C-alpha atoms as a PDB file:
ATOM      1  CA  MET A   1       9.123 -17.195   6.970  1.00  0.00           C
ATOM      2  CA  LEU A   2      12.859 -17.502   6.357  1.00  0.00           C
ATOM      3  CA  GLN A   3      15.196 -15.944   8.848  1.00  0.00           C
ATOM      4  CA  LEU A   4      18.937 -16.104   8.894  1.00  0.00           C
ATOM      5  CA  PRO A   5      20.255 -17.205  12.300  1.00  0.00           C
ATOM      6  CA  HIS A   6      22.576 -14.199  12.537  1.00  0.00           C
ATOM      7  CA  GLN A   7      19.861 -11.709  11.510  1.00  0.00           C
ATOM      8  CA  PRO A   8      16.818 -12.081  13.766  1.00  0.00           C
ATOM      9  CA  LEU A   9      13.612 -10.442  12.650  1.00  0.00           C
ATOM     10  CA  GLN A  10      13.106  -7.177  14.484  1.00  0.00           C
ATOM     11  CA  VAL A  11       9.669  -5.730  15.016  1.00  0.00           C
ATOM     12  CA  ALA A  12       9.135  -1.996  14.723  1.00  0.00           C
ATOM     13  CA  ALA A  13       6.407   0.064  16.284  1.00  0.00           C
ATOM     14  CA  VAL A  14       3.521   0.872  13.966  1.00  0.00           C
ATOM     15  CA  PRO A  15       3.348   4.628  13.345  1.00  0.00           C
ATOM     16  CA  PRO A  16      -0.011   6.300  13.926  1.00  0.00           C
ATOM     17  CA  GLN A  17      -2.275   6.884  10.959  1.00  0.00           C
ATOM     18  CA  ARG A  18      -1.811  10.418   9.613  1.00  0.00           C
ATOM     19  CA  ALA A  19      -5.316  11.094   8.423  1.00  0.00           C
ATOM     20  CA  PRO A  20      -8.732   9.931   9.541  1.00  0.00           C
ATOM     21  CA  ALA A  21      -9.979   6.882   7.715  1.00  0.00           C
ATOM     22  CA  ARG A  22     -13.130   6.911   5.630  1.00  0.00           C
ATOM     23  CA  GLU A  23     -16.157   5.685   7.514  1.00  0.00           C
ATOM     24  CA  ASP A  24     -19.122   3.956   5.974  1.00  0.00           C
ATOM     25  CA  GLU A  25     -22.333   2.452   7.346  1.00  0.00           C
ATOM     26  CA  ALA A  26     -20.441  -0.378   9.055  1.00  0.00           C
ATOM     27  CA  GLY A  27     -17.818   1.922  10.590  1.00  0.00           C
ATOM     28  CA  PRO A  28     -14.220   2.621   9.589  1.00  0.00           C
ATOM     29  CA  TRP A  29     -12.776   0.063   7.181  1.00  0.00           C
ATOM     30  CA  HIS A  30      -9.655  -0.411   9.289  1.00  0.00           C
ATOM     31  CA  THR A  31     -11.599  -1.972  12.162  1.00  0.00           C
ATOM     32  CA  GLU A  32     -11.890  -5.109   9.986  1.00  0.00           C
ATOM     33  CA  ALA A  33      -8.205  -5.179   9.041  1.00  0.00           C
ATOM     34  CA  VAL A  34      -6.432  -8.439   9.838  1.00  0.00           C
ATOM     35  CA  CYS A  35      -3.246  -6.540  10.724  1.00  0.00           C
ATOM     36  CA  ARG A  36      -5.020  -4.984  13.711  1.00  0.00           C
ATOM     37  CA  ARG A  37      -5.270  -8.450  15.205  1.00  0.00           C
ATOM     38  CA  ASP A  38      -1.935 -10.022  14.262  1.00  0.00           C
ATOM     39  CA  GLU A  39       1.638  -9.317  13.383  1.00  0.00           C
ATOM     40  CA  ALA A  40       1.302  -5.514  13.200  1.00  0.00           C
ATOM     41  CA  GLY A  41       5.074  -5.130  13.436  1.00  0.00           C
ATOM     42  CA  LEU A  42       5.520  -6.937  10.118  1.00  0.00           C
ATOM     43  CA  PHE A  43       4.258  -3.941   8.218  1.00  0.00           C
ATOM     44  CA  PHE A  44       6.932  -1.357   9.097  1.00  0.00           C
ATOM     45  CA  ALA A  45      10.703  -1.651   8.874  1.00  0.00           C
ATOM     46  CA  PRO A  46      12.928  -1.360  11.891  1.00  0.00           C
ATOM     47  CA  SER A  47      15.853   1.003  11.443  1.00  0.00           C
ATOM     48  CA  LYS A  48      18.892  -0.422   9.638  1.00  0.00           C
ATOM     49  CA  GLU A  49      17.052  -3.596   8.656  1.00  0.00           C
ATOM     50  CA  PRO A  50      19.196  -5.864   6.453  1.00  0.00           C
ATOM     51  CA  THR A  51      17.849  -6.421   2.940  1.00  0.00           C
ATOM     52  CA  ALA A  52      17.236 -10.161   3.387  1.00  0.00           C
ATOM     53  CA  ALA A  53      15.303  -9.534   6.603  1.00  0.00           C
ATOM     54  CA  ARG A  54      13.283  -6.738   4.956  1.00  0.00           C
ATOM     55  CA  LEU A  55      12.309  -8.918   2.004  1.00  0.00           C
ATOM     56  CA  SER A  56      11.306 -11.769   4.309  1.00  0.00           C
ATOM     57  CA  ARG A  57       9.270  -9.437   6.551  1.00  0.00           C
ATOM     58  CA  GLU A  58       7.543  -7.823   3.561  1.00  0.00           C
ATOM     59  CA  GLU A  59       6.577 -11.223   2.126  1.00  0.00           C
ATOM     60  CA  ALA A  60       5.149 -12.241   5.502  1.00  0.00           C
ATOM     61  CA  ALA A  61       3.183  -8.967   5.658  1.00  0.00           C
ATOM     62  CA  LYS A  62       1.823  -9.554   2.156  1.00  0.00           C
ATOM     63  CA  ARG A  63       0.607 -12.995   3.208  1.00  0.00           C
ATOM     64  CA  VAL A  64      -1.348 -11.348   6.036  1.00  0.00           C
ATOM     65  CA  CYS A  65      -2.771  -8.810   3.550  1.00  0.00           C
ATOM     66  CA  ALA A  66      -3.798 -11.597   1.166  1.00  0.00           C
ATOM     67  CA  ARG A  67      -6.289 -12.929   3.712  1.00  0.00           C
ATOM     68  CA  CYS A  68      -7.593  -9.496   4.775  1.00  0.00           C
ATOM     69  CA  PRO A  69     -11.229  -8.602   3.972  1.00  0.00           C
ATOM     70  CA  VAL A  70     -10.406  -4.887   3.581  1.00  0.00           C
ATOM     71  CA  MET A  71      -7.212  -5.193   1.511  1.00  0.00           C
ATOM     72  CA  VAL A  72      -8.582  -3.076  -1.354  1.00  0.00           C
ATOM     73  CA  GLU A  73      -9.720  -0.277   0.972  1.00  0.00           C
ATOM     74  CA  CYS A  74      -6.353  -0.328   2.734  1.00  0.00           C
ATOM     75  CA  ARG A  75      -4.474  -0.156  -0.572  1.00  0.00           C
ATOM     76  CA  GLU A  76      -6.580   2.740  -1.833  1.00  0.00           C
ATOM     77  CA  HIS A  77      -6.058   4.582   1.457  1.00  0.00           C
ATOM     78  CA  ALA A  78      -2.292   4.181   1.088  1.00  0.00           C
ATOM     79  CA  LEU A  79      -2.389   5.351  -2.525  1.00  0.00           C
ATOM     80  CA  LEU A  80      -4.576   8.370  -1.792  1.00  0.00           C
ATOM     81  CA  GLN A  81      -2.637   9.568   1.286  1.00  0.00           C
ATOM     82  CA  PRO A  82       0.079   8.605  -0.006  1.00  0.00           C
ATOM     83  CA  GLU A  83       1.658   6.502   2.729  1.00  0.00           C
ATOM     84  CA  PRO A  84       5.469   6.666   2.357  1.00  0.00           C
ATOM     85  CA  TYR A  85       6.349   3.675   4.567  1.00  0.00           C
ATOM     86  CA  GLY A  86       5.302   0.144   5.265  1.00  0.00           C
ATOM     87  CA  VAL A  87       3.208  -2.518   3.596  1.00  0.00           C
ATOM     88  CA  TRP A  88      -0.375  -1.369   2.998  1.00  0.00           C
ATOM     89  CA  GLY A  89      -2.957  -3.359   1.072  1.00  0.00           C
ATOM     90  CA  GLY A  90      -0.361  -5.918   0.066  1.00  0.00           C
ATOM     91  CA  LEU A  91       1.980  -3.360  -1.527  1.00  0.00           C
ATOM     92  CA  THR A  92       5.331  -2.050  -0.335  1.00  0.00           C
ATOM     93  CA  ALA A  93       6.137   1.671  -0.534  1.00  0.00           C
ATOM     94  CA  ALA A  94       8.142   1.055  -3.731  1.00  0.00           C
ATOM     95  CA  GLU A  95       5.274  -0.907  -5.300  1.00  0.00           C
ATOM     96  CA  ARG A  96       2.845   1.875  -4.405  1.00  0.00           C
ATOM     97  CA  ARG A  97       5.111   4.417  -6.126  1.00  0.00           C
ATOM     98  CA  VAL A  98       4.965   2.287  -9.295  1.00  0.00           C
ATOM     99  CA  VAL A  99       1.149   2.083  -9.136  1.00  0.00           C
ATOM    100  CA  LEU A 100       0.895   5.855  -8.649  1.00  0.00           C
ATOM    101  CA  ALA A 101       3.254   6.526 -11.568  1.00  0.00           C
ATOM    102  CA  ARG A 102       1.165   4.232 -13.809  1.00  0.00           C
ATOM    103  CA  ARG A 103      -2.026   5.986 -12.746  1.00  0.00           C
ATOM    104  CA  ARG A 104      -0.505   9.394 -13.533  1.00  0.00           C
ATOM    105  CA  ARG A 105       0.635   8.191 -16.982  1.00  0.00           C
ATOM    106  CA  ARG A 106      -2.815   6.743 -17.667  1.00  0.00           C
ATOM    107  CA  GLU A 107      -4.473  10.053 -16.714  1.00  0.00           C
ATOM    108  CA  VAL A 108      -2.160  11.965 -19.061  1.00  0.00           C
ATOM    109  CA  GLU A 109      -2.899   9.518 -21.893  1.00  0.00           C
ATOM    110  CA  LEU A 110      -6.649   9.806 -21.315  1.00  0.00           C
ATOM    111  CA  LYS A 111      -6.451  13.612 -21.358  1.00  0.00           C
ATOM    112  CA  LYS A 112      -4.478  13.516 -24.617  1.00  0.00           C
ATOM    113  CA  ALA A 113      -7.023  11.157 -26.163  1.00  0.00           C
ATOM    114  CA  ALA A 114      -9.920  13.367 -25.039  1.00  0.00           C
ATOM    115  CA  THR A 115      -8.219  16.459 -26.455  1.00  0.00           C
ATOM    116  CA  THR A 116      -7.602  14.687 -29.789  1.00  0.00           C
ATOM    117  CA  THR A 117     -11.229  13.524 -29.940  1.00  0.00           C
ATOM    118  CA  ASP A 118     -12.453  17.058 -29.215  1.00  0.00           C
ATOM    119  CA  ARG A 119     -10.254  18.476 -32.001  1.00  0.00           C
ATOM    120  CA  ILE A 120     -11.486  15.889 -34.495  1.00  0.00           C
ATOM    121  CA  ALA A 121     -15.114  16.569 -33.556  1.00  0.00           C
ATOM    122  CA  ALA A 122     -14.619  20.333 -33.886  1.00  0.00           C
ATOM    123  CA  ALA A 123     -12.944  19.973 -37.275  1.00  0.00           C
ATOM    124  CA  GLY A 124     -15.466  17.473 -38.589  1.00  0.00           C
END
């Protein structure tokens, strides 16, 4: 991870989860999360973090996510909540906003297509 000598990486406290996680037969998905065992501070920004330090920290967090066995579950949790801060499931808050916007557009397009199909069927 790149760090500028005059801008040391600061580690922030991880905020508590706001909603209970989904549990399945093996227990809550987050018990298998790699971030529970390492580098938890990588996932949330300290206050007034310089841009270069933030980008470096986020890339390091994404590398941790890339080797996590529950990355998909974590990402879906963050998208369904929605989590406004931090790196979850390999996505930053800004990246999650993009994914959510795409999902909303896709839903609108699917509804339009279904409505058009219904009108054609009714007319036919």
